[in-house]
Protein backbone atom coordinates (compact mmCIF):
# COMPACT_ATOMS: atom_id res chain seq x y z
CA MET A 1 113.31 81.06 107.92
CA ILE A 2 110.83 81.98 105.20
CA ILE A 3 107.95 82.15 107.68
CA GLU A 4 109.88 84.47 110.00
CA TYR A 5 110.89 86.80 107.19
CA THR A 6 107.35 86.83 105.83
CA LEU A 7 105.95 87.74 109.25
CA LEU A 8 108.59 90.44 109.65
CA ALA A 9 107.72 91.89 106.24
CA ILE A 10 104.00 91.83 107.07
CA GLY A 11 104.62 93.50 110.42
CA LEU A 12 106.85 96.13 108.84
CA SER A 13 104.31 96.96 106.15
CA ILE A 14 101.51 97.24 108.73
CA MET A 15 103.71 99.53 110.83
CA ILE A 16 104.51 101.73 107.81
CA PHE A 17 100.86 102.04 106.77
CA GLY A 18 99.85 102.74 110.37
CA MET A 19 102.49 105.45 110.61
CA LEU A 20 101.24 107.04 107.40
CA GLY A 21 97.71 106.94 108.81
CA VAL A 22 98.81 108.67 112.00
CA LEU A 23 100.52 111.38 109.97
CA ARG A 24 97.73 111.88 107.43
CA PHE A 25 94.47 111.48 109.34
CA PRO A 26 92.93 114.72 110.59
CA ASP A 27 91.58 114.01 114.07
CA VAL A 28 92.20 112.05 117.25
CA PHE A 29 89.73 109.29 116.49
CA SER A 30 91.06 108.52 113.01
CA ARG A 31 94.64 108.64 114.21
CA LEU A 32 93.78 106.37 117.11
CA HIS A 33 92.29 103.87 114.68
CA ALA A 34 95.48 103.88 112.59
CA SER A 35 97.76 103.57 115.59
CA THR A 36 95.71 100.71 117.06
CA LYS A 37 96.00 98.72 113.84
CA CYS A 38 99.70 99.49 113.79
CA ASP A 39 100.25 98.33 117.35
CA THR A 40 98.13 95.22 117.22
CA GLY A 41 98.88 93.92 113.74
CA GLY A 42 102.42 95.12 113.26
CA ALA A 43 103.77 94.41 116.72
CA MET A 44 102.03 91.06 116.87
CA SER A 45 103.53 89.93 113.55
CA ILE A 46 107.01 91.10 114.51
CA LEU A 47 106.86 89.50 117.97
CA ILE A 48 105.62 86.17 116.60
CA ALA A 49 108.40 86.21 114.00
CA THR A 50 110.91 86.89 116.78
CA ALA A 51 109.52 84.01 118.84
CA LEU A 52 109.81 81.65 115.87
CA LEU A 53 113.50 82.33 115.31
CA ILE A 54 115.58 79.20 115.80
CA ASP A 55 118.33 80.69 117.98
CA THR A 56 115.95 82.17 120.55
CA PRO A 57 116.00 80.38 123.95
CA PHE A 58 112.76 78.72 125.05
CA MET A 59 112.03 81.03 128.00
CA ILE A 60 112.50 84.09 125.79
CA LYS A 61 110.01 82.58 123.32
CA VAL A 62 107.50 82.07 126.12
CA LYS A 63 107.94 85.66 127.33
CA ILE A 64 107.51 87.01 123.79
CA LEU A 65 104.33 85.00 123.29
CA ILE A 66 102.95 86.20 126.64
CA LEU A 67 103.74 89.79 125.61
CA THR A 68 101.98 89.20 122.29
CA PHE A 69 98.93 87.89 124.13
CA PHE A 70 98.83 90.96 126.36
CA ILE A 71 99.14 93.30 123.37
CA VAL A 72 96.27 91.56 121.61
CA MET A 73 94.06 91.66 124.70
CA LEU A 74 94.89 95.11 126.11
CA ASN A 75 95.46 97.32 123.07
CA PRO A 76 91.79 97.48 121.96
CA MET A 77 90.68 98.26 125.52
CA ILE A 78 93.28 100.99 125.93
CA SER A 79 92.43 102.61 122.61
CA HIS A 80 88.73 102.50 123.49
CA ALA A 81 89.48 104.22 126.80
CA ILE A 82 91.50 106.93 125.02
CA ALA A 83 88.71 107.50 122.49
CA ARG A 84 86.10 107.64 125.24
CA GLY A 85 88.21 110.12 127.19
CA ALA A 86 88.62 112.30 124.11
CA HIS A 87 84.89 112.16 123.47
CA LYS A 88 84.07 113.08 127.08
CA ALA A 89 86.56 115.95 126.90
CA GLY A 90 84.57 117.39 124.02
CA VAL A 91 86.81 116.55 121.10
CA LYS A 92 84.70 116.50 117.93
CA PRO A 93 85.58 114.33 114.94
CA GLU A 94 86.71 116.36 111.94
CA VAL A 95 85.71 113.78 109.38
CA GLU A 96 82.23 113.35 107.96
CA VAL A 97 80.87 110.26 109.68
CA ASP A 98 77.92 109.52 107.39
CA MET A 99 78.76 110.27 103.78
CA TYR A 100 75.30 109.25 102.55
CA ALA A 101 73.30 111.43 104.94
CA ARG A 102 73.67 114.46 102.68
CA ASP A 103 72.18 112.58 99.69
CA ASN A 104 68.85 111.91 101.42
CA PRO A 105 66.42 114.87 101.58
């Protein structure tokens, strides 16, 4: 039970920090980065903790692990497609990408 609760706590903390990132970051690309970490890390930890619970039937565990696999594989591709679509639509990042470029003459 300690492993499940630890994974749930890790997933919850990743979800909270991801939510704060989505609320605080200024543009689409930064918010997309925060939400991707939230989805992949937080959801994966919570789903693995759910699959490890003792009372869960075997077929439900298999379905949860398959869902976790799909989240891990598809979420980076989907977020990349969203970022590429935003870039092609002309959305400009509001953050300074290269902080050290202004120091060089």
